Amino acid sequence: MIRLSRYRYFSYRIVWTNDAMELARSCPAWVGAAGPHGVMPFANVLSIPAINSFVGRKFKGATASVLKRVPFLRLLYLFGCVDVSSKTLTKTLKEGYCVGLVSDGIAGIFKCSKNEETLYLANRKSLAKFCLKNGCPLIPAFSVGNSEAFSLWFDSFGILEWLSRKAQTAVFVFWGRFFLPIPRRVNITLLFGSPIMVERKEHPTQEDIDELHNRLLAATKTMYDAHKHKVGKGHKELKII
C-alpha cells in the first residue's frame, strides 16, 4: 500500500496483493483498465503522478478525443494525458509508456448506482482486441470511492444518455459538497491487479477476444471482492453490466 500524503483534497492510495507490483514494474509496457468513470474520473487523474512516482513506470492517462476541444477539460493534457485513439495508444506504448484508461468510459456514467459499484464493461471488448493486436499486458484495476465524489441525476428514458452519445460528451445533472459542483472529499483507493500477459496476434479471432475479455472481467471482480472489506466497502457488491 502506498499513501500519498501530498494529495491534500482527496485521500488516495494504491493497494495490491502478492507480487502484482513487482510484475507491473518488470513486464513490457502495459495498458491499465480502471473504472468506474463516475461523474468525473478523478481517480484516474490522480493515478498519473502516483504511478510515475511510486510504481516506477513511465505512465500516461488516456482521455476521450473530444476533451481536446473543451476549454477547461483539455487542461488534463498538462497532467500527462493522451488521446484514447488506437493510433495514439499504440504510439505511446512503443515509446515505452504504460497507459491507463477508464474502462467503462462516458457510457458508464449512466449506469451508476447508489447501492452498488457498477462497471459498464460486460460487452465492451475493444480493449481486449487492442491488447491482442499489440501484444501488450493488460492490468485490471478498480477505483473504489470515485463514484462517491458526486451525486448525479439523469432521466430514466435514456434521453440524456442518447444526447451524450451524439455529442461525445456527458450531459446530465450533478452536485457535490453543499449541493455545488465541488467534489466531496472522499477516500479513493486504486485496486491494482497483476498483469495479464498477452500474446500478440495481428488478426485475433472473436474467440481470442472473448477469452481475454472474460479474464479481465473475472480478475476485476476477484480483485474487488478480495479488498472490499479492507477498504470499507464490504456492504457494496461489484456489478459488471
C-alpha atoms as a PDB file:
ATOM      1  CA  MET A   1       0.000   0.000   0.000  1.00  0.00           C
ATOM      2  CA  ILE A   2       1.225   3.480  -0.863  1.00  0.00           C
ATOM      3  CA  ARG A   3      -0.334   6.540   0.780  1.00  0.00           C
ATOM      4  CA  LEU A   4       0.216   9.848  -0.987  1.00  0.00           C
ATOM      5  CA  SER A   5       0.098  12.468   1.764  1.00  0.00           C
ATOM      6  CA  ARG A   6       0.667  15.299  -0.699  1.00  0.00           C
ATOM      7  CA  TYR A   7      -2.795  14.757  -2.109  1.00  0.00           C
ATOM      8  CA  ARG A   8      -4.420  17.383   0.096  1.00  0.00           C
ATOM      9  CA  TYR A   9      -8.001  17.188  -1.045  1.00  0.00           C
ATOM     10  CA  PHE A  10      -8.656  13.514  -1.760  1.00  0.00           C
ATOM     11  CA  SER A  11      -7.229  10.735   0.356  1.00  0.00           C
ATOM     12  CA  TYR A  12      -5.592   8.492  -2.246  1.00  0.00           C
ATOM     13  CA  ARG A  13      -3.862   5.138  -2.003  1.00  0.00           C
ATOM     14  CA  ILE A  14      -2.832   2.194  -4.161  1.00  0.00           C
ATOM     15  CA  VAL A  15      -3.499  -1.330  -2.909  1.00  0.00           C
ATOM     16  CA  TRP A  16      -2.243  -4.609  -4.359  1.00  0.00           C
ATOM     17  CA  THR A  17      -1.528  -8.163  -3.237  1.00  0.00           C
ATOM     18  CA  ASN A  18       1.320 -10.627  -3.644  1.00  0.00           C
ATOM     19  CA  ASP A  19       3.738  -9.790  -6.473  1.00  0.00           C
ATOM     20  CA  ALA A  20       1.372  -7.666  -8.600  1.00  0.00           C
ATOM     21  CA  MET A  21       3.510  -4.551  -8.222  1.00  0.00           C
ATOM     22  CA  GLU A  22       6.794  -6.309  -8.971  1.00  0.00           C
ATOM     23  CA  LEU A  23       5.295  -7.791 -12.132  1.00  0.00           C
ATOM     24  CA  ALA A  24       3.934  -4.392 -13.207  1.00  0.00           C
ATOM     25  CA  ARG A  25       7.387  -2.883 -12.756  1.00  0.00           C
ATOM     26  CA  SER A  26       9.215  -5.550 -14.740  1.00  0.00           C
ATOM     27  CA  CYS A  27       6.897  -6.521 -17.612  1.00  0.00           C
ATOM     28  CA  PRO A  28       6.678  -4.735 -21.001  1.00  0.00           C
ATOM     29  CA  ALA A  29       4.663  -1.523 -21.305  1.00  0.00           C
ATOM     30  CA  TRP A  30       1.097  -2.311 -20.300  1.00  0.00           C
ATOM     31  CA  VAL A  31      -2.430  -0.982 -20.513  1.00  0.00           C
ATOM     32  CA  GLY A  32      -4.326  -0.483 -17.259  1.00  0.00           C
ATOM     33  CA  ALA A  33      -8.127  -0.729 -17.309  1.00  0.00           C
ATOM     34  CA  ALA A  34      -9.605   1.135 -14.333  1.00  0.00           C
ATOM     35  CA  GLY A  35     -13.237   2.041 -13.730  1.00  0.00           C
ATOM     36  CA  PRO A  36     -15.695   3.293 -12.813  1.00  0.00           C
ATOM     37  CA  HIS A  37     -15.850   6.621 -14.624  1.00  0.00           C
ATOM     38  CA  GLY A  38     -18.297   8.189 -12.179  1.00  0.00           C
ATOM     39  CA  VAL A  39     -19.299  11.798 -12.833  1.00  0.00           C
ATOM     40  CA  MET A  40     -15.615  12.641 -13.313  1.00  0.00           C
ATOM     41  CA  PRO A  41     -12.671  10.203 -13.294  1.00  0.00           C
ATOM     42  CA  PHE A  42     -10.724  11.946 -10.517  1.00  0.00           C
ATOM     43  CA  ALA A  43      -9.145   8.646  -9.514  1.00  0.00           C
ATOM     44  CA  ASN A  44      -7.586   8.129 -12.917  1.00  0.00           C
ATOM     45  CA  VAL A  45      -6.147  11.652 -12.982  1.00  0.00           C
ATOM     46  CA  LEU A  46      -4.650  11.117  -9.523  1.00  0.00           C
ATOM     47  CA  SER A  47      -3.110   7.838 -10.669  1.00  0.00           C
ATOM     48  CA  ILE A  48      -0.903   9.541 -13.278  1.00  0.00           C
ATOM     49  CA  PRO A  49       1.641  11.145 -10.887  1.00  0.00           C
ATOM     50  CA  ALA A  50       1.210   8.266  -8.428  1.00  0.00           C
ATOM     51  CA  ILE A  51       2.226   5.561 -10.887  1.00  0.00           C
ATOM     52  CA  ASN A  52       5.036   7.656 -12.342  1.00  0.00           C
ATOM     53  CA  SER A  53       6.449   8.410  -8.876  1.00  0.00           C
ATOM     54  CA  PHE A  54       5.830   5.260  -6.883  1.00  0.00           C
ATOM     55  CA  VAL A  55       5.225   2.368  -9.258  1.00  0.00           C
ATOM     56  CA  GLY A  56       8.315   3.387 -11.163  1.00  0.00           C
ATOM     57  CA  ARG A  57       6.873   3.246 -14.684  1.00  0.00           C
ATOM     58  CA  LYS A  58       6.522   5.984 -17.278  1.00  0.00           C
ATOM     59  CA  PHE A  59       2.763   6.352 -17.352  1.00  0.00           C
ATOM     60  CA  LYS A  60       0.116   8.395 -19.159  1.00  0.00           C
ATOM     61  CA  GLY A  61      -3.664   8.521 -18.905  1.00  0.00           C
ATOM     62  CA  ALA A  62      -5.888   8.208 -21.958  1.00  0.00           C
ATOM     63  CA  THR A  63      -8.877  10.532 -22.395  1.00  0.00           C
ATOM     64  CA  ALA A  64     -11.729  10.898 -24.863  1.00  0.00           C
ATOM     65  CA  SER A  65     -10.749  12.742 -28.025  1.00  0.00           C
ATOM     66  CA  VAL A  66     -13.477  15.350 -27.520  1.00  0.00           C
ATOM     67  CA  LEU A  67     -11.706  16.751 -24.437  1.00  0.00           C
ATOM     68  CA  LYS A  68      -9.164  18.437 -26.680  1.00  0.00           C
ATOM     69  CA  ARG A  69     -11.959  20.779 -27.758  1.00  0.00           C
ATOM     70  CA  VAL A  70     -13.335  21.544 -24.285  1.00  0.00           C
ATOM     71  CA  PRO A  71     -11.591  24.670 -22.865  1.00  0.00           C
ATOM     72  CA  PHE A  72     -11.333  23.613 -19.220  1.00  0.00           C
ATOM     73  CA  LEU A  73     -11.089  19.853 -19.555  1.00  0.00           C
ATOM     74  CA  ARG A  74      -8.333  19.984 -22.163  1.00  0.00           C
ATOM     75  CA  LEU A  75      -6.049  21.088 -19.328  1.00  0.00           C
ATOM     76  CA  LEU A  76      -5.922  17.380 -18.441  1.00  0.00           C
ATOM     77  CA  TYR A  77      -3.308  17.026 -21.177  1.00  0.00           C
ATOM     78  CA  LEU A  78      -0.979  19.040 -18.960  1.00  0.00           C
ATOM     79  CA  PHE A  79      -1.204  16.247 -16.367  1.00  0.00           C
ATOM     80  CA  GLY A  80       0.182  13.638 -18.762  1.00  0.00           C
ATOM     81  CA  CYS A  81      -2.851  12.560 -20.773  1.00  0.00           C
ATOM     82  CA  VAL A  82      -3.022  11.372 -24.367  1.00  0.00           C
ATOM     83  CA  ASP A  83      -5.837  10.783 -26.812  1.00  0.00           C
ATOM     84  CA  VAL A  84      -7.556   7.404 -26.397  1.00  0.00           C
ATOM     85  CA  SER A  85      -7.491   6.595 -30.124  1.00  0.00           C
ATOM     86  CA  SER A  86      -5.911   3.286 -31.075  1.00  0.00           C
ATOM     87  CA  LYS A  87      -3.219   5.025 -33.147  1.00  0.00           C
ATOM     88  CA  THR A  88      -2.147   7.262 -30.257  1.00  0.00           C
ATOM     89  CA  LEU A  89      -2.204   4.447 -27.708  1.00  0.00           C
ATOM     90  CA  THR A  90      -0.022   2.261 -29.944  1.00  0.00           C
ATOM     91  CA  LYS A  91       2.471   5.090 -30.432  1.00  0.00           C
ATOM     92  CA  THR A  92       2.578   5.793 -26.681  1.00  0.00           C
ATOM     93  CA  LEU A  93       3.249   2.139 -25.840  1.00  0.00           C
ATOM     94  CA  LYS A  94       6.049   1.965 -28.418  1.00  0.00           C
ATOM     95  CA  GLU A  95       7.653   4.973 -26.727  1.00  0.00           C
ATOM     96  CA  GLY A  96       7.878   2.907 -23.544  1.00  0.00           C
ATOM     97  CA  TYR A  97       4.967   4.446 -21.662  1.00  0.00           C
ATOM     98  CA  CYS A  98       2.331   2.444 -19.856  1.00  0.00           C
ATOM     99  CA  VAL A  99      -1.188   3.733 -20.413  1.00  0.00           C
ATOM    100  CA  GLY A 100      -4.262   3.814 -18.201  1.00  0.00           C
ATOM    101  CA  LEU A 101      -7.810   4.391 -19.321  1.00  0.00           C
ATOM    102  CA  VAL A 102     -11.308   4.448 -17.861  1.00  0.00           C
ATOM    103  CA  SER A 103     -12.597   1.041 -18.891  1.00  0.00           C
ATOM    104  CA  ASP A 104     -16.324   1.875 -18.891  1.00  0.00           C
ATOM    105  CA  GLY A 105     -15.942   5.330 -20.463  1.00  0.00           C
ATOM    106  CA  ILE A 106     -18.563   8.060 -20.506  1.00  0.00           C
ATOM    107  CA  ALA A 107     -21.294   5.446 -21.007  1.00  0.00           C
ATOM    108  CA  GLY A 108     -20.543   4.158 -17.519  1.00  0.00           C
ATOM    109  CA  ILE A 109     -21.850   7.396 -16.002  1.00  0.00           C
ATOM    110  CA  PHE A 110     -25.394   6.366 -16.864  1.00  0.00           C
ATOM    111  CA  LYS A 111     -25.056   3.024 -15.088  1.00  0.00           C
ATOM    112  CA  CYS A 112     -24.157   4.457 -11.671  1.00  0.00           C
ATOM    113  CA  SER A 113     -25.993   3.124  -8.626  1.00  0.00           C
ATOM    114  CA  LYS A 114     -26.151   4.316  -5.011  1.00  0.00           C
ATOM    115  CA  ASN A 115     -26.326   0.795  -3.607  1.00  0.00           C
ATOM    116  CA  GLU A 116     -23.550  -0.976  -5.501  1.00  0.00           C
ATOM    117  CA  GLU A 117     -20.451  -0.390  -7.541  1.00  0.00           C
ATOM    118  CA  THR A 118     -21.227  -0.764 -11.226  1.00  0.00           C
ATOM    119  CA  LEU A 119     -18.865  -1.246 -14.146  1.00  0.00           C
ATOM    120  CA  TYR A 120     -20.243  -0.982 -17.662  1.00  0.00           C
ATOM    121  CA  LEU A 121     -17.840  -3.400 -19.293  1.00  0.00           C
ATOM    122  CA  ALA A 122     -19.553  -6.743 -19.927  1.00  0.00           C
ATOM    123  CA  ASN A 123     -19.823  -6.255 -23.691  1.00  0.00           C
ATOM    124  CA  ARG A 124     -17.149  -3.604 -24.300  1.00  0.00           C
ATOM    125  CA  LYS A 125     -14.417  -5.732 -25.857  1.00  0.00           C
ATOM    126  CA  SER A 126     -12.399  -3.241 -27.887  1.00  0.00           C
ATOM    127  CA  LEU A 127      -9.707  -3.050 -25.210  1.00  0.00           C
ATOM    128  CA  ALA A 128      -9.123  -6.803 -25.328  1.00  0.00           C
ATOM    129  CA  LYS A 129      -8.841  -6.620 -29.117  1.00  0.00           C
ATOM    130  CA  PHE A 130      -6.368  -3.734 -28.893  1.00  0.00           C
ATOM    131  CA  CYS A 131      -4.115  -5.579 -26.420  1.00  0.00           C
ATOM    132  CA  LEU A 132      -4.116  -8.726 -28.556  1.00  0.00           C
ATOM    133  CA  LYS A 133      -3.178  -6.796 -31.711  1.00  0.00           C
ATOM    134  CA  ASN A 134      -0.338  -5.039 -29.862  1.00  0.00           C
ATOM    135  CA  GLY A 135       0.737  -7.910 -27.626  1.00  0.00           C
ATOM    136  CA  CYS A 136       0.735  -5.669 -24.551  1.00  0.00           C
ATOM    137  CA  PRO A 137      -0.056  -6.852 -20.999  1.00  0.00           C
ATOM    138  CA  LEU A 138      -3.430  -5.841 -19.579  1.00  0.00           C
ATOM    139  CA  ILE A 139      -3.747  -4.809 -15.929  1.00  0.00           C
ATOM    140  CA  PRO A 140      -7.149  -4.971 -14.197  1.00  0.00           C
ATOM    141  CA  ALA A 141      -7.763  -2.092 -11.806  1.00  0.00           C
ATOM    142  CA  PHE A 142     -10.661  -0.505  -9.955  1.00  0.00           C
ATOM    143  CA  SER A 143     -11.020   2.898  -8.287  1.00  0.00           C
ATOM    144  CA  VAL A 144     -13.029   2.451  -5.110  1.00  0.00           C
ATOM    145  CA  GLY A 145     -14.685   5.686  -3.974  1.00  0.00           C
ATOM    146  CA  ASN A 146     -14.538   7.575  -7.260  1.00  0.00           C
ATOM    147  CA  SER A 147     -18.282   7.232  -7.839  1.00  0.00           C
ATOM    148  CA  GLU A 148     -18.987   8.880  -4.453  1.00  0.00           C
ATOM    149  CA  ALA A 149     -17.340  12.241  -5.220  1.00  0.00           C
ATOM    150  CA  PHE A 150     -20.563  13.478  -6.829  1.00  0.00           C
ATOM    151  CA  SER A 151     -24.251  12.646  -6.896  1.00  0.00           C
ATOM    152  CA  LEU A 152     -25.992  12.737 -10.252  1.00  0.00           C
ATOM    153  CA  TRP A 153     -29.356  12.661 -11.940  1.00  0.00           C
ATOM    154  CA  PHE A 154     -30.359  11.606 -15.421  1.00  0.00           C
ATOM    155  CA  ASP A 155     -33.712  10.667 -16.922  1.00  0.00           C
ATOM    156  CA  SER A 156     -34.942   7.077 -16.919  1.00  0.00           C
ATOM    157  CA  PHE A 157     -35.944   7.320 -20.591  1.00  0.00           C
ATOM    158  CA  GLY A 158     -32.338   7.454 -21.815  1.00  0.00           C
ATOM    159  CA  ILE A 159     -32.684  10.864 -23.475  1.00  0.00           C
ATOM    160  CA  LEU A 160     -29.636  12.400 -21.778  1.00  0.00           C
ATOM    161  CA  GLU A 161     -27.620   9.254 -22.480  1.00  0.00           C
ATOM    162  CA  TRP A 162     -28.610   9.470 -26.162  1.00  0.00           C
ATOM    163  CA  LEU A 163     -27.610  13.143 -26.266  1.00  0.00           C
ATOM    164  CA  SER A 164     -24.290  12.306 -24.620  1.00  0.00           C
ATOM    165  CA  ARG A 165     -23.514   9.687 -27.241  1.00  0.00           C
ATOM    166  CA  LYS A 166     -24.342  12.130 -30.048  1.00  0.00           C
ATOM    167  CA  ALA A 167     -22.272  14.927 -28.528  1.00  0.00           C
ATOM    168  CA  GLN A 168     -19.456  12.570 -27.442  1.00  0.00           C
ATOM    169  CA  THR A 169     -19.519  14.232 -24.040  1.00  0.00           C
ATOM    170  CA  ALA A 170     -21.654  13.643 -20.957  1.00  0.00           C
ATOM    171  CA  VAL A 171     -24.903  15.589 -20.473  1.00  0.00           C
ATOM    172  CA  PHE A 172     -26.509  15.205 -17.027  1.00  0.00           C
ATOM    173  CA  VAL A 173     -27.140  16.981 -13.714  1.00  0.00           C
ATOM    174  CA  PHE A 174     -24.668  16.546 -10.849  1.00  0.00           C
ATOM    175  CA  TRP A 175     -23.783  18.031  -7.468  1.00  0.00           C
ATOM    176  CA  GLY A 176     -21.291  17.530  -4.665  1.00  0.00           C
ATOM    177  CA  ARG A 177     -20.399  19.427  -1.486  1.00  0.00           C
ATOM    178  CA  PHE A 178     -23.025  21.965  -0.412  1.00  0.00           C
ATOM    179  CA  PHE A 179     -25.050  20.928  -3.498  1.00  0.00           C
ATOM    180  CA  LEU A 180     -22.448  22.694  -5.634  1.00  0.00           C
ATOM    181  CA  PRO A 181     -20.229  21.319  -8.455  1.00  0.00           C
ATOM    182  CA  ILE A 182     -17.476  20.745  -5.897  1.00  0.00           C
ATOM    183  CA  PRO A 183     -16.387  17.124  -5.363  1.00  0.00           C
ATOM    184  CA  ARG A 184     -16.817  15.616  -1.930  1.00  0.00           C
ATOM    185  CA  ARG A 185     -13.607  14.853  -0.034  1.00  0.00           C
ATOM    186  CA  VAL A 186     -13.712  11.089  -0.357  1.00  0.00           C
ATOM    187  CA  ASN A 187     -11.216   8.300   0.164  1.00  0.00           C
ATOM    188  CA  ILE A 188     -10.149   6.927  -3.211  1.00  0.00           C
ATOM    189  CA  THR A 189      -8.373   3.591  -3.426  1.00  0.00           C
ATOM    190  CA  LEU A 190      -6.871   2.218  -6.632  1.00  0.00           C
ATOM    191  CA  LEU A 191      -7.025  -1.574  -6.548  1.00  0.00           C
ATOM    192  CA  PHE A 192      -4.100  -2.704  -8.692  1.00  0.00           C
ATOM    193  CA  GLY A 193      -4.125  -6.214 -10.166  1.00  0.00           C
ATOM    194  CA  SER A 194      -1.464  -8.490 -11.629  1.00  0.00           C
ATOM    195  CA  PRO A 195      -0.695  -8.070 -15.345  1.00  0.00           C
ATOM    196  CA  ILE A 196      -2.490 -10.428 -17.698  1.00  0.00           C
ATOM    197  CA  MET A 197       0.173 -11.385 -20.194  1.00  0.00           C
ATOM    198  CA  VAL A 198      -0.988 -11.277 -23.817  1.00  0.00           C
ATOM    199  CA  GLU A 199       0.419 -12.994 -26.889  1.00  0.00           C
ATOM    200  CA  ARG A 200       0.431 -10.706 -29.919  1.00  0.00           C
ATOM    201  CA  LYS A 201      -1.993 -11.687 -32.661  1.00  0.00           C
ATOM    202  CA  GLU A 202      -2.237  -9.394 -35.650  1.00  0.00           C
ATOM    203  CA  HIS A 203      -5.644 -10.810 -36.541  1.00  0.00           C
ATOM    204  CA  PRO A 204      -7.230 -12.053 -33.301  1.00  0.00           C
ATOM    205  CA  THR A 205     -10.319 -14.203 -33.625  1.00  0.00           C
ATOM    206  CA  GLN A 206     -13.530 -13.453 -31.776  1.00  0.00           C
ATOM    207  CA  GLU A 207     -12.733 -16.411 -29.553  1.00  0.00           C
ATOM    208  CA  ASP A 208      -9.353 -14.858 -28.680  1.00  0.00           C
ATOM    209  CA  ILE A 209     -11.020 -11.538 -27.855  1.00  0.00           C
ATOM    210  CA  ASP A 210     -13.741 -13.141 -25.763  1.00  0.00           C
ATOM    211  CA  GLU A 211     -11.226 -15.206 -23.799  1.00  0.00           C
ATOM    212  CA  LEU A 212      -9.046 -12.210 -22.871  1.00  0.00           C
ATOM    213  CA  HIS A 213     -12.075 -10.031 -22.127  1.00  0.00           C
ATOM    214  CA  ASN A 214     -13.527 -12.659 -19.793  1.00  0.00           C
ATOM    215  CA  ARG A 215     -10.189 -12.934 -17.994  1.00  0.00           C
ATOM    216  CA  LEU A 216     -10.240  -9.175 -17.436  1.00  0.00           C
ATOM    217  CA  LEU A 217     -13.786  -9.271 -16.047  1.00  0.00           C
ATOM    218  CA  ALA A 218     -13.047 -12.205 -13.757  1.00  0.00           C
ATOM    219  CA  ALA A 219      -9.802 -10.661 -12.478  1.00  0.00           C
ATOM    220  CA  THR A 220     -11.522  -7.336 -11.777  1.00  0.00           C
ATOM    221  CA  LYS A 221     -14.360  -8.983  -9.826  1.00  0.00           C
ATOM    222  CA  THR A 222     -11.975 -11.231  -7.859  1.00  0.00           C
ATOM    223  CA  MET A 223      -9.745  -8.264  -7.012  1.00  0.00           C
ATOM    224  CA  TYR A 224     -12.674  -6.153  -5.807  1.00  0.00           C
ATOM    225  CA  ASP A 225     -14.130  -8.943  -3.669  1.00  0.00           C
ATOM    226  CA  ALA A 226     -10.726  -9.601  -2.096  1.00  0.00           C
ATOM    227  CA  HIS A 227     -10.267  -5.987  -0.992  1.00  0.00           C
ATOM    228  CA  LYS A 228     -13.735  -4.507  -0.463  1.00  0.00           C
ATOM    229  CA  HIS A 229     -13.914  -5.246   3.265  1.00  0.00           C
ATOM    230  CA  LYS A 230     -10.438  -3.817   3.861  1.00  0.00           C
ATOM    231  CA  VAL A 231     -11.327  -0.512   2.190  1.00  0.00           C
ATOM    232  CA  GLY A 232     -14.669  -0.124   3.951  1.00  0.00           C
ATOM    233  CA  LYS A 233     -16.924  -1.225   1.100  1.00  0.00           C
ATOM    234  CA  GLY A 234     -17.922  -4.660   2.341  1.00  0.00           C
ATOM    235  CA  HIS A 235     -21.580  -3.700   2.009  1.00  0.00           C
ATOM    236  CA  LYS A 236     -21.241  -2.970  -1.727  1.00  0.00           C
ATOM    237  CA  GLU A 237     -21.170  -5.584  -4.445  1.00  0.00           C
ATOM    238  CA  LEU A 238     -19.478  -5.014  -7.783  1.00  0.00           C
ATOM    239  CA  LYS A 239     -21.933  -5.462 -10.619  1.00  0.00           C
ATOM    240  CA  ILE A 240     -20.444  -5.754 -14.110  1.00  0.00           C
ATOM    241  CA  ILE A 241     -23.069  -4.972 -16.734  1.00  0.00           C
END
